[in-house]
């Protein structure tokens, strides 16, 4: 009997909230909240997948990708 190897983790992405969402449209505020940010200049770690990349693409002026 063969054993299956666990699926490789696609990696993590570090995000930083750099600009306030006060003047941003409601949809963009919801994207920032959906990413999990609670305060400005906060750095969070999320899985690097197309869903998170798409959310970041909607608010590139508010969020920064750290290396």
N, C-alpha and C. Protein backbone atom coordinates (compact mmCIF):
# COMPACT_ATOMS: atom_id res chain seq x y z
N UNK A 1 0.84 -1.18 0.00
CA UNK A 1 0.00 0.00 0.00
C UNK A 1 0.89 1.25 0.00
N UNK A 2 0.59 2.16 -0.86
CA UNK A 2 1.39 3.39 -0.92
C UNK A 2 0.77 4.46 -0.04
N UNK A 3 1.62 5.31 0.50
CA UNK A 3 1.12 6.42 1.32
C UNK A 3 1.24 7.70 0.52
N UNK A 4 0.24 8.51 0.65
CA UNK A 4 0.23 9.80 -0.04
C UNK A 4 0.98 10.83 0.78
N UNK A 5 1.75 11.63 0.10
CA UNK A 5 2.46 12.71 0.78
C UNK A 5 1.49 13.88 0.98
N UNK A 6 1.62 14.59 2.09
CA UNK A 6 0.75 15.74 2.29
C UNK A 6 1.04 16.81 1.24
N UNK A 7 0.01 17.53 0.90
CA UNK A 7 0.13 18.59 -0.10
C UNK A 7 1.08 19.67 0.41
N UNK A 8 1.97 20.13 -0.43
CA UNK A 8 2.94 21.16 -0.04
C UNK A 8 2.23 22.49 0.20
N UNK A 9 2.65 23.16 1.24
CA UNK A 9 2.08 24.47 1.56
C UNK A 9 2.59 25.45 0.53
N UNK A 10 1.67 26.26 -0.01
CA UNK A 10 2.05 27.18 -1.09
C UNK A 10 2.82 28.38 -0.60
N UNK A 11 2.97 28.55 0.71
CA UNK A 11 3.75 29.66 1.23
C UNK A 11 2.89 30.67 1.93
N UNK A 12 3.56 31.63 2.51
CA UNK A 12 2.89 32.70 3.24
C UNK A 12 3.25 34.03 2.62
N UNK A 13 2.38 35.00 2.81
CA UNK A 13 2.61 36.35 2.32
C UNK A 13 2.43 37.31 3.49
N UNK A 14 3.34 38.25 3.63
CA UNK A 14 3.27 39.25 4.70
C UNK A 14 2.70 40.54 4.12
N UNK A 15 1.66 41.05 4.74
CA UNK A 15 0.98 42.26 4.28
C UNK A 15 1.05 43.34 5.35
N UNK A 16 1.17 44.58 4.94
CA UNK A 16 1.18 45.72 5.86
C UNK A 16 0.17 46.74 5.39
N UNK A 17 -0.67 47.19 6.33
CA UNK A 17 -1.66 48.23 6.05
C UNK A 17 -0.96 49.56 6.18
N UNK A 18 -0.82 50.31 5.07
CA UNK A 18 0.00 51.52 5.07
C UNK A 18 -0.80 52.82 4.98
N UNK A 19 -2.04 52.78 4.50
CA UNK A 19 -2.82 54.00 4.37
C UNK A 19 -4.20 53.81 4.96
N UNK A 20 -4.72 54.86 5.53
CA UNK A 20 -6.04 54.80 6.14
C UNK A 20 -7.12 54.60 5.08
N UNK A 21 -8.18 53.93 5.48
CA UNK A 21 -9.29 53.66 4.57
C UNK A 21 -10.45 54.61 4.83
N UNK A 22 -10.18 55.74 5.47
CA UNK A 22 -11.26 56.68 5.82
C UNK A 22 -11.96 57.20 4.56
N UNK A 23 -11.21 57.63 3.57
CA UNK A 23 -11.82 58.19 2.36
C UNK A 23 -12.04 57.15 1.27
N UNK A 24 -11.77 55.91 1.57
CA UNK A 24 -11.93 54.84 0.58
C UNK A 24 -13.41 54.44 0.48
N UNK A 25 -13.83 53.94 -0.68
CA UNK A 25 -15.20 53.43 -0.82
C UNK A 25 -15.46 52.27 0.14
N UNK A 26 -16.72 52.02 0.40
CA UNK A 26 -17.13 50.99 1.36
C UNK A 26 -16.60 49.62 0.95
N UNK A 27 -16.62 49.30 -0.33
CA UNK A 27 -16.13 47.99 -0.78
C UNK A 27 -14.65 47.80 -0.44
N UNK A 28 -13.86 48.87 -0.57
CA UNK A 28 -12.45 48.77 -0.25
C UNK A 28 -12.24 48.64 1.25
N UNK A 29 -13.06 49.29 2.04
CA UNK A 29 -12.98 49.14 3.50
C UNK A 29 -13.28 47.70 3.90
N UNK A 30 -14.25 47.09 3.22
CA UNK A 30 -14.60 45.71 3.52
C UNK A 30 -13.49 44.74 3.12
N UNK A 31 -12.76 45.06 2.05
CA UNK A 31 -11.64 44.21 1.64
C UNK A 31 -10.54 44.26 2.70
N UNK A 32 -10.24 45.46 3.20
CA UNK A 32 -9.21 45.60 4.23
C UNK A 32 -9.62 44.83 5.48
N UNK A 33 -10.88 44.93 5.85
CA UNK A 33 -11.38 44.20 7.02
C UNK A 33 -11.36 42.69 6.77
N UNK A 34 -11.68 42.29 5.55
CA UNK A 34 -11.69 40.88 5.19
C UNK A 34 -10.30 40.26 5.21
N UNK A 35 -9.28 41.07 4.94
CA UNK A 35 -7.91 40.58 5.02
C UNK A 35 -7.50 40.34 6.47
N UNK A 36 -8.19 40.98 7.41
CA UNK A 36 -7.90 40.75 8.82
C UNK A 36 -7.19 41.89 9.52
N UNK A 37 -7.10 43.04 8.88
CA UNK A 37 -6.44 44.18 9.50
C UNK A 37 -7.36 44.82 10.54
N UNK A 38 -6.77 45.26 11.65
CA UNK A 38 -7.52 45.95 12.70
C UNK A 38 -6.98 47.33 13.00
N UNK A 39 -5.71 47.60 12.65
CA UNK A 39 -5.14 48.91 12.89
C UNK A 39 -4.09 49.24 11.83
N UNK A 40 -3.82 50.51 11.67
CA UNK A 40 -2.88 51.01 10.68
C UNK A 40 -1.46 50.55 11.04
N UNK A 41 -0.63 50.34 10.04
CA UNK A 41 0.76 49.88 10.16
C UNK A 41 0.87 48.48 10.76
N UNK A 42 -0.19 47.72 10.71
CA UNK A 42 -0.18 46.35 11.21
C UNK A 42 0.36 45.43 10.13
N UNK A 43 1.18 44.47 10.53
CA UNK A 43 1.72 43.48 9.60
C UNK A 43 1.06 42.14 9.94
N UNK A 44 0.49 41.50 8.93
CA UNK A 44 -0.17 40.21 9.12
C UNK A 44 0.41 39.21 8.14
N UNK A 45 0.20 37.94 8.42
CA UNK A 45 0.66 36.86 7.55
C UNK A 45 -0.55 36.08 7.07
N UNK A 46 -0.66 35.91 5.78
CA UNK A 46 -1.77 35.19 5.17
C UNK A 46 -1.22 34.16 4.20
N UNK A 47 -1.99 33.12 3.88
CA UNK A 47 -1.53 32.16 2.88
C UNK A 47 -1.43 32.82 1.50
N UNK A 48 -0.42 32.44 0.76
CA UNK A 48 -0.22 33.02 -0.57
C UNK A 48 -1.03 32.21 -1.57
N UNK A 49 -2.27 32.65 -1.80
CA UNK A 49 -3.15 31.96 -2.75
C UNK A 49 -3.85 33.01 -3.62
N UNK A 50 -4.50 32.60 -4.69
CA UNK A 50 -5.13 33.56 -5.60
C UNK A 50 -6.21 34.42 -4.94
N UNK A 51 -6.91 33.90 -3.93
CA UNK A 51 -7.95 34.69 -3.27
C UNK A 51 -7.36 35.89 -2.54
N UNK A 52 -6.30 35.66 -1.78
CA UNK A 52 -5.65 36.75 -1.04
C UNK A 52 -4.98 37.71 -2.02
N UNK A 53 -4.34 37.19 -3.05
CA UNK A 53 -3.71 38.05 -4.06
C UNK A 53 -4.75 38.94 -4.75
N UNK A 54 -5.93 38.40 -5.00
CA UNK A 54 -7.00 39.19 -5.61
C UNK A 54 -7.49 40.29 -4.70
N UNK A 55 -7.59 40.00 -3.41
CA UNK A 55 -8.02 41.02 -2.45
C UNK A 55 -6.98 42.14 -2.37
N UNK A 56 -5.71 41.78 -2.38
CA UNK A 56 -4.64 42.78 -2.33
C UNK A 56 -4.66 43.61 -3.62
N UNK A 57 -4.98 43.00 -4.73
CA UNK A 57 -5.02 43.72 -6.01
C UNK A 57 -6.13 44.77 -6.04
N UNK A 58 -7.17 44.58 -5.21
CA UNK A 58 -8.27 45.55 -5.16
C UNK A 58 -7.89 46.80 -4.37
N UNK A 59 -6.92 46.69 -3.46
CA UNK A 59 -6.52 47.83 -2.63
C UNK A 59 -5.00 48.00 -2.60
N UNK A 60 -4.34 48.12 -3.75
CA UNK A 60 -2.88 48.22 -3.74
C UNK A 60 -2.38 49.54 -3.16
N UNK A 61 -3.23 50.55 -3.13
CA UNK A 61 -2.84 51.85 -2.58
C UNK A 61 -2.97 51.89 -1.07
N UNK A 62 -3.60 50.89 -0.45
CA UNK A 62 -3.79 50.83 0.99
C UNK A 62 -2.92 49.78 1.66
N UNK A 63 -2.52 48.75 0.91
CA UNK A 63 -1.82 47.61 1.47
C UNK A 63 -0.50 47.42 0.73
N UNK A 64 0.51 46.98 1.48
CA UNK A 64 1.83 46.74 0.91
C UNK A 64 2.22 45.28 1.15
N UNK A 65 2.86 44.67 0.16
CA UNK A 65 3.36 43.31 0.31
C UNK A 65 4.81 43.40 0.74
N UNK A 66 5.12 42.78 1.88
CA UNK A 66 6.49 42.77 2.40
C UNK A 66 7.19 41.50 1.98
N UNK A 67 8.47 41.57 1.82
CA UNK A 67 9.26 40.40 1.42
C UNK A 67 9.87 39.73 2.61
